[in-house]
PDB file of N, CA and C in Angstrom:
ATOM      1  N   MET A   1       0.876  -1.181  -0.004  1.00  0.00           N
ATOM      2  CA  MET A   1       0.002  -0.040   0.041  1.00  0.00           C
ATOM      3  C   MET A   1       0.885   1.222   0.008  1.00  0.00           C
ATOM      4  N   ALA A   2       0.555   2.145  -0.862  1.00  0.00           N
ATOM      5  CA  ALA A   2       1.317   3.396  -0.915  1.00  0.00           C
ATOM      6  C   ALA A   2       0.416   4.495  -0.313  1.00  0.00           C
ATOM      7  N   LEU A   3       0.972   5.212   0.650  1.00  0.00           N
ATOM      8  CA  LEU A   3       0.270   6.426   1.205  1.00  0.00           C
ATOM      9  C   LEU A   3       0.936   7.622   0.713  1.00  0.00           C
ATOM     10  N   SER A   4       0.120   8.599   0.401  1.00  0.00           N
ATOM     11  CA  SER A   4       0.605   9.911  -0.058  1.00  0.00           C
ATOM     12  C   SER A   4       1.250  10.639   1.121  1.00  0.00           C
ATOM     13  N   SER A   5       2.123  11.616   0.772  1.00  0.00           N
ATOM     14  CA  SER A   5       2.744  12.431   1.877  1.00  0.00           C
ATOM     15  C   SER A   5       1.634  13.204   2.624  1.00  0.00           C
ATOM     16  N   GLU A   6       0.544  13.560   1.937  1.00  0.00           N
ATOM     17  CA  GLU A   6      -0.534  14.240   2.630  1.00  0.00           C
ATOM     18  C   GLU A   6      -1.261  13.318   3.595  1.00  0.00           C
ATOM     19  N   SER A   7      -1.474  12.032   3.204  1.00  0.00           N
ATOM     20  CA  SER A   7      -2.023  11.050   4.108  1.00  0.00           C
ATOM     21  C   SER A   7      -1.146  10.881   5.313  1.00  0.00           C
ATOM     22  N   LEU A   8       0.127  10.827   5.143  1.00  0.00           N
ATOM     23  CA  LEU A   8       1.080  10.620   6.288  1.00  0.00           C
ATOM     24  C   LEU A   8       0.939  11.843   7.185  1.00  0.00           C
ATOM     25  N   ARG A   9       0.852  13.031   6.595  1.00  0.00           N
ATOM     26  CA  ARG A   9       0.773  14.270   7.436  1.00  0.00           C
ATOM     27  C   ARG A   9      -0.517  14.208   8.342  1.00  0.00           C
ATOM     28  N   ILE A  10      -1.654  13.890   7.668  1.00  0.00           N
ATOM     29  CA  ILE A  10      -2.926  13.842   8.312  1.00  0.00           C
ATOM     30  C   ILE A  10      -2.928  12.808   9.436  1.00  0.00           C
ATOM     31  N   PHE A  11      -2.350  11.659   9.189  1.00  0.00           N
ATOM     32  CA  PHE A  11      -2.342  10.620  10.127  1.00  0.00           C
ATOM     33  C   PHE A  11      -1.279  10.836  11.205  1.00  0.00           C
ATOM     34  N   GLY A  12      -0.427  11.788  11.021  1.00  0.00           N
ATOM     35  CA  GLY A  12       0.616  12.123  11.992  1.00  0.00           C
ATOM     36  C   GLY A  12       1.699  11.018  11.962  1.00  0.00           C
ATOM     37  N   ILE A  13       1.931  10.407  10.810  1.00  0.00           N
ATOM     38  CA  ILE A  13       2.902   9.355  10.757  1.00  0.00           C
ATOM     39  C   ILE A  13       4.170   9.974  10.203  1.00  0.00           C
ATOM     40  N   THR A  14       5.245   9.668  10.826  1.00  0.00           N
ATOM     41  CA  THR A  14       6.574  10.293  10.429  1.00  0.00           C
ATOM     42  C   THR A  14       7.479   9.194   9.866  1.00  0.00           C
ATOM     43  N   TYR A  15       6.913   8.119   9.327  1.00  0.00           N
ATOM     44  CA  TYR A  15       7.709   7.068   8.805  1.00  0.00           C
ATOM     45  C   TYR A  15       7.908   7.294   7.290  1.00  0.00           C
ATOM     46  N   SER A  16       8.924   6.617   6.752  1.00  0.00           N
ATOM     47  CA  SER A  16       9.133   6.612   5.343  1.00  0.00           C
ATOM     48  C   SER A  16       8.241   5.596   4.680  1.00  0.00           C
ATOM     49  N   GLN A  17       8.038   5.669   3.330  1.00  0.00           N
ATOM     50  CA  GLN A  17       7.272   4.640   2.615  1.00  0.00           C
ATOM     51  C   GLN A  17       7.810   3.198   2.947  1.00  0.00           C
ATOM     52  N   ARG A  18       9.120   3.116   2.987  1.00  0.00           N
ATOM     53  CA  ARG A  18       9.761   1.816   3.254  1.00  0.00           C
ATOM     54  C   ARG A  18       9.322   1.275   4.634  1.00  0.00           C
ATOM     55  N   ASP A  19       9.292   2.157   5.603  1.00  0.00           N
ATOM     56  CA  ASP A  19       8.839   1.745   6.980  1.00  0.00           C
ATOM     57  C   ASP A  19       7.423   1.295   6.971  1.00  0.00           C
ATOM     58  N   LEU A  20       6.637   1.712   5.983  1.00  0.00           N
ATOM     59  CA  LEU A  20       5.150   1.386   5.981  1.00  0.00           C
ATOM     60  C   LEU A  20       4.869   0.084   5.179  1.00  0.00           C
ATOM     61  N   GLU A  21       5.880  -0.647   4.780  1.00  0.00           N
ATOM     62  CA  GLU A  21       5.685  -1.901   4.119  1.00  0.00           C
ATOM     63  C   GLU A  21       4.892  -2.776   5.081  1.00  0.00           C
ATOM     64  N   GLY A  22       3.870  -3.407   4.531  1.00  0.00           N
ATOM     65  CA  GLY A  22       2.966  -4.253   5.340  1.00  0.00           C
ATOM     66  C   GLY A  22       1.861  -3.446   6.028  1.00  0.00           C
ATOM     67  N   PHE A  23       1.790  -2.210   5.822  1.00  0.00           N
ATOM     68  CA  PHE A  23       0.706  -1.347   6.401  1.00  0.00           C
ATOM     69  C   PHE A  23      -0.641  -1.845   5.976  1.00  0.00           C
ATOM     70  N   ASP A  24      -0.765  -2.314   4.772  1.00  0.00           N
ATOM     71  CA  ASP A  24      -2.063  -2.797   4.256  1.00  0.00           C
ATOM     72  C   ASP A  24      -2.632  -3.912   5.081  1.00  0.00           C
ATOM     73  N   THR A  25      -1.795  -4.621   5.760  1.00  0.00           N
ATOM     74  CA  THR A  25      -2.280  -5.726   6.653  1.00  0.00           C
ATOM     75  C   THR A  25      -2.313  -5.398   8.100  1.00  0.00           C
ATOM     76  N   GLN A  26      -1.609  -4.280   8.475  1.00  0.00           N
ATOM     77  CA  GLN A  26      -1.483  -3.810   9.818  1.00  0.00           C
ATOM     78  C   GLN A  26      -2.389  -2.701  10.240  1.00  0.00           C
ATOM     79  N   TRP A  27      -3.049  -2.037   9.244  1.00  0.00           N
ATOM     80  CA  TRP A  27      -3.835  -0.783   9.516  1.00  0.00           C
ATOM     81  C   TRP A  27      -4.962  -1.030  10.508  1.00  0.00           C
ATOM     82  N   ARG A  28      -5.521  -2.219  10.483  1.00  0.00           N
ATOM     83  CA  ARG A  28      -6.694  -2.427  11.379  1.00  0.00           C
ATOM     84  C   ARG A  28      -6.379  -2.304  12.870  1.00  0.00           C
ATOM     85  N   ALA A  29      -5.119  -2.474  13.248  1.00  0.00           N
ATOM     86  CA  ALA A  29      -4.723  -2.295  14.597  1.00  0.00           C
ATOM     87  C   ALA A  29      -4.760  -0.872  14.991  1.00  0.00           C
ATOM     88  N   LEU A  30      -4.813   0.075  14.007  1.00  0.00           N
ATOM     89  CA  LEU A  30      -4.890   1.511  14.277  1.00  0.00           C
ATOM     90  C   LEU A  30      -6.330   2.058  14.280  1.00  0.00           C
ATOM     91  N   VAL A  31      -7.274   1.160  13.931  1.00  0.00           N
ATOM     92  CA  VAL A  31      -8.705   1.534  14.010  1.00  0.00           C
ATOM     93  C   VAL A  31      -9.137   1.581  15.486  1.00  0.00           C
ATOM     94  N   HIS A  32      -9.881   2.564  15.872  1.00  0.00           N
ATOM     95  CA  HIS A  32     -10.348   2.720  17.236  1.00  0.00           C
ATOM     96  C   HIS A  32     -11.001   1.352  17.651  1.00  0.00           C
ATOM     97  N   PRO A  33     -10.698   0.893  18.898  1.00  0.00           N
ATOM     98  CA  PRO A  33     -11.206  -0.386  19.376  1.00  0.00           C
ATOM     99  C   PRO A  33     -12.703  -0.526  19.247  1.00  0.00           C
ATOM    100  N   ASP A  34     -13.414   0.526  19.439  1.00  0.00           N
ATOM    101  CA  ASP A  34     -14.925   0.513  19.314  1.00  0.00           C
ATOM    102  C   ASP A  34     -15.426   0.345  17.888  1.00  0.00           C
ATOM    103  N   ASP A  35     -14.557   0.595  16.936  1.00  0.00           N
ATOM    104  CA  ASP A  35     -14.926   0.528  15.506  1.00  0.00           C
ATOM    105  C   ASP A  35     -14.342  -0.760  14.795  1.00  0.00           C
ATOM    106  N   ARG A  36     -13.415  -1.488  15.453  1.00  0.00           N
ATOM    107  CA  ARG A  36     -12.703  -2.534  14.786  1.00  0.00           C
ATOM    108  C   ARG A  36     -13.601  -3.636  14.258  1.00  0.00           C
ATOM    109  N   GLN A  37     -14.534  -4.071  15.042  1.00  0.00           N
ATOM    110  CA  GLN A  37     -15.377  -5.216  14.619  1.00  0.00           C
ATOM    111  C   GLN A  37     -16.201  -4.787  13.442  1.00  0.00           C
ATOM    112  N   ARG A  38     -16.825  -3.635  13.479  1.00  0.00           N
ATOM    113  CA  ARG A  38     -17.646  -3.144  12.387  1.00  0.00           C
ATOM    114  C   ARG A  38     -16.773  -3.016  11.139  1.00  0.00           C
ATOM    115  N   VAL A  39     -15.640  -2.482  11.200  1.00  0.00           N
ATOM    116  CA  VAL A  39     -14.747  -2.305  10.025  1.00  0.00           C
ATOM    117  C   VAL A  39     -14.324  -3.667   9.505  1.00  0.00           C
ATOM    118  N   ALA A  40     -13.958  -4.578  10.387  1.00  0.00           N
ATOM    119  CA  ALA A  40     -13.532  -5.934   9.929  1.00  0.00           C
ATOM    120  C   ALA A  40     -14.592  -6.675   9.193  1.00  0.00           C
ATOM    121  N   ILE A  41     -15.841  -6.600   9.736  1.00  0.00           N
ATOM    122  CA  ILE A  41     -16.989  -7.215   9.052  1.00  0.00           C
ATOM    123  C   ILE A  41     -17.219  -6.559   7.687  1.00  0.00           C
ATOM    124  N   HIS A  42     -17.174  -5.248   7.643  1.00  0.00           N
ATOM    125  CA  HIS A  42     -17.375  -4.522   6.349  1.00  0.00           C
ATOM    126  C   HIS A  42     -16.310  -4.902   5.334  1.00  0.00           C
ATOM    127  N   ASP A  43     -15.063  -5.004   5.859  1.00  0.00           N
ATOM    128  CA  ASP A  43     -13.943  -5.369   4.992  1.00  0.00           C
ATOM    129  C   ASP A  43     -14.128  -6.751   4.399  1.00  0.00           C
ATOM    130  N   ALA A  44     -14.528  -7.708   5.222  1.00  0.00           N
ATOM    131  CA  ALA A  44     -14.768  -9.093   4.822  1.00  0.00           C
ATOM    132  C   ALA A  44     -15.931  -9.183   3.775  1.00  0.00           C
ATOM    133  N   VAL A  45     -16.926  -8.454   4.048  1.00  0.00           N
ATOM    134  CA  VAL A  45     -18.189  -8.474   3.144  1.00  0.00           C
ATOM    135  C   VAL A  45     -17.795  -7.878   1.744  1.00  0.00           C
ATOM    136  N   THR A  46     -17.122  -6.724   1.741  1.00  0.00           N
ATOM    137  CA  THR A  46     -16.860  -6.046   0.494  1.00  0.00           C
ATOM    138  C   THR A  46     -15.704  -6.804  -0.256  1.00  0.00           C
ATOM    139  N   SER A  47     -14.797  -7.374   0.436  1.00  0.00           N
ATOM    140  CA  SER A  47     -13.767  -8.185  -0.188  1.00  0.00           C
ATOM    141  C   SER A  47     -14.330  -9.365  -0.903  1.00  0.00           C
ATOM    142  N   ALA A  48     -15.295 -10.023  -0.259  1.00  0.00           N
ATOM    143  CA  ALA A  48     -15.879 -11.256  -0.851  1.00  0.00           C
ATOM    144  C   ALA A  48     -16.843 -10.883  -2.045  1.00  0.00           C
ATOM    145  N   SER A  49     -17.441  -9.710  -1.974  1.00  0.00           N
ATOM    146  CA  SER A  49     -18.448  -9.355  -3.010  1.00  0.00           C
ATOM    147  C   SER A  49     -17.804  -8.507  -4.141  1.00  0.00           C
ATOM    148  N   GLY A  50     -16.581  -7.953  -3.872  1.00  0.00           N
ATOM    149  CA  GLY A  50     -15.979  -7.093  -4.826  1.00  0.00           C
ATOM    150  C   GLY A  50     -16.576  -5.705  -4.872  1.00  0.00           C
ATOM    151  N   GLU A  51     -17.408  -5.395  -3.896  1.00  0.00           N
ATOM    152  CA  GLU A  51     -17.973  -4.082  -3.795  1.00  0.00           C
ATOM    153  C   GLU A  51     -16.952  -3.070  -3.276  1.00  0.00           C
ATOM    154  N   LEU A  52     -17.293  -1.804  -3.508  1.00  0.00           N
ATOM    155  CA  LEU A  52     -16.373  -0.733  -3.002  1.00  0.00           C
ATOM    156  C   LEU A  52     -16.445  -0.769  -1.448  1.00  0.00           C
ATOM    157  N   PHE A  53     -15.279  -0.703  -0.821  1.00  0.00           N
ATOM    158  CA  PHE A  53     -15.153  -0.626   0.562  1.00  0.00           C
ATOM    159  C   PHE A  53     -15.269   0.899   0.864  1.00  0.00           C
ATOM    160  N   ARG A  54     -16.333   1.280   1.594  1.00  0.00           N
ATOM    161  CA  ARG A  54     -16.610   2.719   1.941  1.00  0.00           C
ATOM    162  C   ARG A  54     -17.165   2.722   3.313  1.00  0.00           C
ATOM    163  N   ILE A  55     -16.409   3.333   4.212  1.00  0.00           N
ATOM    164  CA  ILE A  55     -16.861   3.352   5.630  1.00  0.00           C
ATOM    165  C   ILE A  55     -16.125   4.488   6.368  1.00  0.00           C
ATOM    166  N   ASP A  56     -16.825   4.993   7.366  1.00  0.00           N
ATOM    167  CA  ASP A  56     -16.283   6.002   8.263  1.00  0.00           C
ATOM    168  C   ASP A  56     -15.905   5.357   9.583  1.00  0.00           C
ATOM    169  N   TYR A  57     -14.692   5.646  10.126  1.00  0.00           N
ATOM    170  CA  TYR A  57     -14.299   5.132  11.357  1.00  0.00           C
ATOM    171  C   TYR A  57     -13.197   6.036  11.917  1.00  0.00           C
ATOM    172  N   ARG A  58     -12.900   5.806  13.203  1.00  0.00           N
ATOM    173  CA  ARG A  58     -11.862   6.572  13.857  1.00  0.00           C
ATOM    174  C   ARG A  58     -10.499   5.876  13.747  1.00  0.00           C
ATOM    175  N   PHE A  59      -9.498   6.583  13.432  1.00  0.00           N
ATOM    176  CA  PHE A  59      -8.151   6.071  13.121  1.00  0.00           C
ATOM    177  C   PHE A  59      -7.156   6.718  13.990  1.00  0.00           C
ATOM    178  N   GLU A  60      -6.252   5.940  14.603  1.00  0.00           N
ATOM    179  CA  GLU A  60      -5.226   6.458  15.534  1.00  0.00           C
ATOM    180  C   GLU A  60      -4.155   7.151  14.742  1.00  0.00           C
ATOM    181  N   ARG A  61      -3.817   8.386  15.170  1.00  0.00           N
ATOM    182  CA  ARG A  61      -2.728   9.150  14.545  1.00  0.00           C
ATOM    183  C   ARG A  61      -1.462   8.738  15.310  1.00  0.00           C
ATOM    184  N   GLY A  62      -0.333   9.219  14.787  1.00  0.00           N
ATOM    185  CA  GLY A  62       1.004   8.931  15.378  1.00  0.00           C
ATOM    186  C   GLY A  62       1.181   9.474  16.798  1.00  0.00           C
ATOM    187  N   ASP A  63       0.348  10.506  17.164  1.00  0.00           N
ATOM    188  CA  ASP A  63       0.449  11.020  18.567  1.00  0.00           C
ATOM    189  C   ASP A  63      -0.487  10.374  19.489  1.00  0.00           C
ATOM    190  N   GLY A  64      -1.245   9.297  19.074  1.00  0.00           N
ATOM    191  CA  GLY A  64      -2.197   8.594  19.931  1.00  0.00           C
ATOM    192  C   GLY A  64      -3.583   9.137  19.909  1.00  0.00           C
ATOM    193  N   SER A  65      -3.798  10.313  19.310  1.00  0.00           N
ATOM    194  CA  SER A  65      -5.174  10.875  19.155  1.00  0.00           C
ATOM    195  C   SER A  65      -5.865  10.166  17.998  1.00  0.00           C
ATOM    196  N   TYR A  66      -7.156  10.334  17.970  1.00  0.00           N
ATOM    197  CA  TYR A  66      -7.901   9.690  16.853  1.00  0.00           C
ATOM    198  C   TYR A  66      -8.549  10.819  16.000  1.00  0.00           C
ATOM    199  N   ILE A  67      -8.685  10.480  14.682  1.00  0.00           N
ATOM    200  CA  ILE A  67      -9.393  11.317  13.792  1.00  0.00           C
ATOM    201  C   ILE A  67     -10.480  10.461  13.067  1.00  0.00           C
ATOM    202  N   TRP A  68     -11.516  11.140  12.632  1.00  0.00           N
ATOM    203  CA  TRP A  68     -12.521  10.400  11.837  1.00  0.00           C
ATOM    204  C   TRP A  68     -11.973  10.301  10.407  1.00  0.00           C
ATOM    205  N   LEU A  69     -12.167   9.173   9.812  1.00  0.00           N
ATOM    206  CA  LEU A  69     -11.617   8.889   8.488  1.00  0.00           C
ATOM    207  C   LEU A  69     -12.751   8.284   7.642  1.00  0.00           C
ATOM    208  N   ARG A  70     -12.858   8.782   6.452  1.00  0.00           N
ATOM    209  CA  ARG A  70     -13.715   8.117   5.467  1.00  0.00           C
ATOM    210  C   ARG A  70     -12.825   7.366   4.506  1.00  0.00           C
ATOM    211  N   ASP A  71     -12.909   6.043   4.541  1.00  0.00           N
ATOM    212  CA  ASP A  71     -12.055   5.189   3.784  1.00  0.00           C
ATOM    213  C   ASP A  71     -12.808   4.592   2.586  1.00  0.00           C
ATOM    214  N   GLU A  72     -12.251   4.776   1.457  1.00  0.00           N
ATOM    215  CA  GLU A  72     -12.873   4.182   0.198  1.00  0.00           C
ATOM    216  C   GLU A  72     -11.769   3.521  -0.632  1.00  0.00           C
ATOM    217  N   CYS A  73     -11.989   2.328  -0.947  1.00  0.00           N
ATOM    218  CA  CYS A  73     -11.055   1.611  -1.876  1.00  0.00           C
ATOM    219  C   CYS A  73     -11.730   0.413  -2.462  1.00  0.00           C
ATOM    220  N   LEU A  74     -11.127  -0.135  -3.520  1.00  0.00           N
ATOM    221  CA  LEU A  74     -11.588  -1.393  -4.128  1.00  0.00           C
ATOM    222  C   LEU A  74     -10.649  -2.510  -3.667  1.00  0.00           C
TER     223      LEU A  74
END
């Protein structure tokens, strides 16, 4: 997964792209605990059906605070 420099800034992540290798499988750990199950279910359903993954959830920034995120991807 490639994140833009603007995404990194918004998320408060100060890592290089190389440091983010594997982020596509680890991102769920940064979803707010109260949102994780809902996001995991939505991810499984849309992955199986091929539908657009589109959901709002809270995401942990590099400083430990959370921001609301609208995530959309295929």
